[in-house]
Protein backbone atom coordinates (compact mmCIF):
# COMPACT_ATOMS: atom_id res chain seq x y z
CA UNK A 1 0.00 0.00 0.00
CA UNK A 2 2.79 2.44 0.84
CA UNK A 3 4.35 1.99 -2.59
CA UNK A 4 1.03 2.99 -4.15
CA UNK A 5 0.86 6.11 -1.94
CA UNK A 6 4.43 7.10 -2.85
CA UNK A 7 3.69 6.41 -6.51
CA UNK A 8 0.70 8.78 -6.35
CA UNK A 9 2.66 11.48 -4.53
CA UNK A 10 5.57 11.39 -6.98
CA UNK A 11 3.21 11.30 -9.96
CA UNK A 12 1.29 14.34 -8.74
CA UNK A 13 4.55 16.14 -7.98
CA UNK A 14 5.93 15.53 -11.47
CA UNK A 15 2.64 16.61 -13.05
CA UNK A 16 2.65 19.81 -10.99
CA UNK A 17 6.29 20.48 -11.90
CA UNK A 18 5.65 20.08 -15.63
CA UNK A 19 2.40 22.06 -15.50
CA UNK A 20 4.06 25.02 -13.76
CA UNK A 21 6.99 25.07 -16.17
CA UNK A 22 4.81 24.85 -19.25
CA UNK A 23 2.71 27.74 -17.94
CA UNK A 24 5.69 29.93 -17.07
CA UNK A 25 7.27 29.29 -20.47
CA UNK A 26 4.00 30.12 -22.23
CA UNK A 27 3.79 33.33 -20.20
CA UNK A 28 6.68 34.82 -22.17
CA UNK A 29 4.39 35.21 -25.21
CA UNK A 30 1.70 36.97 -23.16
CA UNK A 31 3.83 39.35 -21.11
CA UNK A 32 7.63 39.30 -21.05
CA UNK A 33 7.60 41.44 -17.89
CA UNK A 34 5.35 38.95 -16.07
CA UNK A 35 7.63 36.14 -17.26
CA UNK A 36 10.66 37.93 -15.79
CA UNK A 37 8.82 38.36 -12.47
CA UNK A 38 8.04 34.64 -12.35
CA UNK A 39 11.65 33.76 -13.15
CA UNK A 40 12.77 36.12 -10.36
CA UNK A 41 10.63 34.16 -7.89
CA UNK A 42 12.58 31.03 -8.88
CA UNK A 43 15.73 32.73 -7.56
CA UNK A 44 14.42 32.94 -3.98
CA UNK A 45 16.02 30.84 -1.21
CA UNK A 46 12.86 28.75 -0.72
CA UNK A 47 12.87 27.63 -4.35
CA UNK A 48 16.61 27.04 -4.04
CA UNK A 49 15.93 24.58 -1.23
CA UNK A 50 13.40 22.77 -3.40
CA UNK A 51 16.04 22.35 -6.12
CA UNK A 52 18.39 20.36 -3.90
CA UNK A 53 18.76 16.96 -5.48
CA UNK A 54 20.98 14.73 -7.60
CA UNK A 55 23.70 16.56 -9.46
CA UNK A 56 23.14 19.88 -7.70
CA UNK A 57 25.32 19.34 -4.68
CA UNK A 58 22.39 18.23 -2.59
CA UNK A 59 21.95 15.49 -0.04
CA UNK A 60 20.97 12.84 -2.58
CA UNK A 61 23.69 10.89 -4.40
CA UNK A 62 24.33 11.61 -8.05
CA UNK A 63 22.87 8.87 -10.29
CA UNK A 64 25.41 6.50 -11.83
CA UNK A 65 25.81 6.64 -15.58
CA UNK A 66 26.23 3.56 -17.70
CA UNK A 67 29.61 2.98 -19.41
CA UNK A 68 28.31 4.08 -22.82
CA UNK A 69 26.97 7.45 -21.62
CA UNK A 70 28.15 10.33 -23.87
CA UNK A 71 29.85 12.15 -20.97
CA UNK A 72 32.07 9.16 -20.31
CA UNK A 73 32.80 8.64 -23.99
CA UNK A 74 33.85 12.26 -24.44
CA UNK A 75 35.96 12.22 -21.27
CA UNK A 76 37.77 9.04 -22.35
CA UNK A 77 38.54 10.30 -25.87
CA UNK A 78 42.11 11.57 -26.31
CA UNK A 79 42.53 15.24 -27.09
CA UNK A 80 42.99 16.09 -30.75
CA UNK A 81 46.39 17.45 -31.68
CA UNK A 82 47.08 19.72 -34.57
CA UNK A 83 50.00 18.84 -36.56
């Protein structure tokens, strides 16, 4: 039962996240000034706390990438030399 509850909570959270970001991006066509005000609210400390997560220096560990991930392929490639 608890897995179902967590599944619902995470699903609603992702839906809310996507809904808010689609709306704020669409706002730029209606009023660029209102869009800038919304973006400024994202720079507040409270929103900064909500952004703590994987890859942002937060408390959660960074997800592991598989060996064929493009970042690893580019990092392993030797530097090109001119000559």
